[in-house]
N, C-alpha and C. Protein backbone atom coordinates (compact mmCIF):
# COMPACT_ATOMS: atom_id res chain seq x y z
N MET A 1 95.03 117.43 79.13
CA MET A 1 96.68 117.36 78.84
C MET A 1 96.72 118.73 79.36
N ILE A 2 97.62 118.91 80.14
CA ILE A 2 98.13 120.05 80.04
C ILE A 2 99.83 120.43 79.98
N GLU A 3 100.00 121.25 78.70
CA GLU A 3 101.21 121.44 78.40
C GLU A 3 102.17 122.50 78.35
N SER A 4 103.45 122.33 78.83
CA SER A 4 104.09 123.54 78.79
C SER A 4 105.14 123.59 77.74
N LYS A 5 106.60 123.87 78.21
CA LYS A 5 107.72 123.96 76.92
C LYS A 5 108.14 122.51 76.91
N SER A 6 108.29 121.86 78.26
CA SER A 6 108.88 120.68 78.06
C SER A 6 108.69 119.69 78.76
N ARG A 7 107.27 119.95 79.62
CA ARG A 7 106.92 119.24 80.62
C ARG A 7 105.14 118.78 80.14
N LEU A 8 104.82 117.60 80.35
CA LEU A 8 103.45 117.61 79.72
C LEU A 8 102.79 117.07 81.35
N LEU A 9 101.52 117.15 81.54
CA LEU A 9 100.73 116.90 82.60
C LEU A 9 99.46 115.94 82.01
N PRO A 10 99.21 114.79 82.35
CA PRO A 10 97.96 113.84 81.65
C PRO A 10 97.12 114.45 83.14
N VAL A 11 95.88 114.59 82.44
CA VAL A 11 94.85 114.52 83.27
C VAL A 11 93.70 113.62 82.63
N GLU A 12 92.85 112.98 83.91
CA GLU A 12 92.10 112.01 83.22
C GLU A 12 90.83 112.62 84.60
N VAL A 13 89.47 112.90 84.00
CA VAL A 13 88.37 112.80 84.85
C VAL A 13 87.30 111.86 84.98
N LYS A 14 86.95 111.27 86.18
CA LYS A 14 86.22 110.42 86.25
C LYS A 14 85.17 110.97 87.23
N ALA A 15 83.48 110.24 86.88
CA ALA A 15 82.95 110.28 87.06
C ALA A 15 82.20 109.66 88.66
N THR A 16 82.96 109.61 89.57
CA THR A 16 83.00 108.69 90.85
C THR A 16 83.05 109.22 91.83
N PRO A 17 82.36 109.30 92.74
CA PRO A 17 82.74 109.75 94.32
C PRO A 17 84.18 108.88 94.90
N ARG A 18 84.36 108.14 94.67
CA ARG A 18 85.58 107.48 95.06
C ARG A 18 86.64 107.33 94.18
N ALA A 19 88.14 107.49 94.40
CA ALA A 19 88.75 107.66 93.40
C ALA A 19 90.27 106.16 93.81
N ARG A 20 90.00 105.10 93.46
CA ARG A 20 90.94 104.25 93.00
C ARG A 20 92.07 103.85 91.98
N LEU A 21 92.93 102.88 92.87
CA LEU A 21 94.30 102.40 91.97
C LEU A 21 94.07 102.24 90.00
N GLU A 22 93.06 101.30 90.25
CA GLU A 22 92.50 100.72 89.29
C GLU A 22 91.69 101.89 87.91
N GLU A 23 91.28 102.87 88.30
CA GLU A 23 90.98 104.12 87.86
C GLU A 23 92.13 104.76 86.97
N ALA A 24 93.15 104.90 87.95
CA ALA A 24 94.30 105.38 87.01
C ALA A 24 95.40 104.89 86.18
N ARG A 25 95.07 103.69 85.64
CA ARG A 25 95.71 102.54 84.68
C ARG A 25 96.40 103.40 83.71
N SER A 26 95.30 104.05 82.97
CA SER A 26 95.46 104.84 81.57
C SER A 26 96.55 105.69 81.88
N LEU A 27 96.48 106.55 83.23
CA LEU A 27 97.35 107.89 83.12
C LEU A 27 98.75 106.82 83.45
N GLU A 28 98.66 105.74 84.19
CA GLU A 28 100.30 105.16 84.52
C GLU A 28 100.90 104.34 83.45
N SER A 29 99.94 104.28 82.43
CA SER A 29 100.32 103.85 80.71
C SER A 29 100.87 104.35 80.27
N PHE A 30 100.07 106.17 80.71
CA PHE A 30 100.60 107.36 79.70
C PHE A 30 102.29 107.66 80.24
N LEU A 31 101.98 107.47 81.69
CA LEU A 31 103.61 107.97 82.17
C LEU A 31 104.79 107.44 81.63
N ASP A 32 104.29 105.68 81.78
CA ASP A 32 105.15 104.91 81.14
C ASP A 32 105.81 105.07 80.11
N GLU A 33 105.14 105.89 78.93
CA GLU A 33 105.37 105.72 77.71
C GLU A 33 106.36 106.89 77.44
N HIS A 34 106.05 107.74 78.52
CA HIS A 34 106.50 109.20 77.89
C HIS A 34 107.14 109.73 79.67
N PRO A 35 107.85 109.25 79.62
CA PRO A 35 108.71 108.87 81.49
C PRO A 35 109.61 110.71 81.32
N ARG A 36 110.27 110.81 80.00
CA ARG A 36 110.95 112.35 80.29
C ARG A 36 110.28 113.27 80.06
N SER A 37 108.70 113.42 79.74
CA SER A 37 108.07 114.63 79.27
C SER A 37 107.04 114.50 80.19
N ALA A 38 106.57 113.24 80.75
CA ALA A 38 105.61 113.59 81.71
C ALA A 38 106.10 112.63 82.99
N ARG A 39 106.05 112.99 84.42
CA ARG A 39 106.75 112.17 85.50
C ARG A 39 105.32 111.97 86.52
N VAL A 40 104.37 112.73 86.17
CA VAL A 40 103.44 112.96 87.25
C VAL A 40 101.89 112.84 86.43
N GLY A 41 100.55 112.17 87.04
CA GLY A 41 99.37 112.65 86.51
C GLY A 41 98.62 113.07 87.25
N LEU A 42 97.48 113.22 86.88
CA LEU A 42 96.20 114.13 87.89
C LEU A 42 94.82 113.36 87.41
N LEU A 43 94.45 112.69 88.63
CA LEU A 43 92.68 111.93 88.20
C LEU A 43 91.93 112.93 88.87
N LEU A 44 91.24 113.69 88.13
CA LEU A 44 90.12 114.42 88.71
C LEU A 44 88.73 113.11 88.67
N TYR A 45 88.11 113.53 90.00
CA TYR A 45 87.38 112.89 90.37
C TYR A 45 85.82 113.92 90.95
N GLY A 46 84.57 112.99 91.51
CA GLY A 46 84.16 113.56 92.51
C GLY A 46 83.81 113.80 93.58
N GLY A 47 84.77 113.17 94.29
CA GLY A 47 85.01 113.19 95.62
C GLY A 47 85.73 114.79 96.22
N ASN A 48 85.96 114.60 97.71
CA ASN A 48 86.33 115.52 98.57
C ASN A 48 87.31 116.05 99.09
N GLU A 49 88.55 114.64 98.54
CA GLU A 49 89.97 114.59 99.33
C GLU A 49 90.82 114.55 98.14
N VAL A 50 91.93 114.89 98.70
CA VAL A 50 93.03 114.68 97.83
C VAL A 50 93.61 113.32 97.70
N ILE A 51 94.33 112.36 97.46
CA ILE A 51 93.89 111.15 97.70
C ILE A 51 95.93 110.77 96.56
N PRO A 52 96.85 110.62 97.01
CA PRO A 52 97.77 109.73 95.97
C PRO A 52 97.63 108.42 95.55
N LEU A 53 97.38 107.92 94.87
CA LEU A 53 96.99 106.88 93.95
C LEU A 53 97.94 105.76 94.05
N SER A 54 99.34 106.45 93.66
CA SER A 54 100.60 106.02 93.19
C SER A 54 101.48 106.77 93.25
N ARG A 55 103.08 106.75 93.51
CA ARG A 55 104.11 107.86 93.73
C ARG A 55 103.97 108.55 92.46
N ARG A 56 103.23 108.68 91.14
CA ARG A 56 103.22 108.92 90.24
C ARG A 56 101.71 109.67 89.88
N VAL A 57 100.26 109.16 90.73
CA VAL A 57 99.10 110.03 89.95
C VAL A 57 98.68 110.31 91.30
N LEU A 58 98.16 111.39 91.35
CA LEU A 58 97.63 112.12 92.56
C LEU A 58 95.97 112.27 91.86
N ALA A 59 95.12 111.91 93.05
CA ALA A 59 93.58 112.10 92.79
C ALA A 59 93.53 113.58 93.67
N ALA A 60 92.70 113.99 92.98
CA ALA A 60 91.99 115.45 93.32
C ALA A 60 90.68 115.66 93.03
N PRO A 61 89.82 115.96 93.85
CA PRO A 61 88.45 116.80 93.40
C PRO A 61 88.27 117.55 92.51
N VAL A 62 87.32 117.13 91.55
CA VAL A 62 87.43 117.82 90.23
C VAL A 62 86.92 119.78 90.68
N GLY A 63 85.75 119.82 91.57
CA GLY A 63 85.70 121.04 92.05
C GLY A 63 87.11 121.69 92.97
N ALA A 64 87.74 120.86 93.20
CA ALA A 64 88.95 121.82 93.08
C ALA A 64 89.32 122.63 92.15
N MET A 65 89.24 122.30 90.99
CA MET A 65 89.88 122.77 89.66
C MET A 65 88.45 123.95 88.96
N LEU A 66 87.66 123.97 89.60
CA LEU A 66 86.88 124.60 88.86
C LEU A 66 87.04 126.20 89.54
């Protein structure tokens, strides 16, 4: 989780080469529970592409964050 004064960015890391919407369910649940402070989520995975998994969750290569 990355936190600023009034916003949260939930981050989840998966050890998978392919990002799928099913893997973002916990992020979607968190976003549902915290709609005012967390509007989007980030799924880091072992692939090479940035992929929008839903309108609120973006998947990005874990290597891009290191």
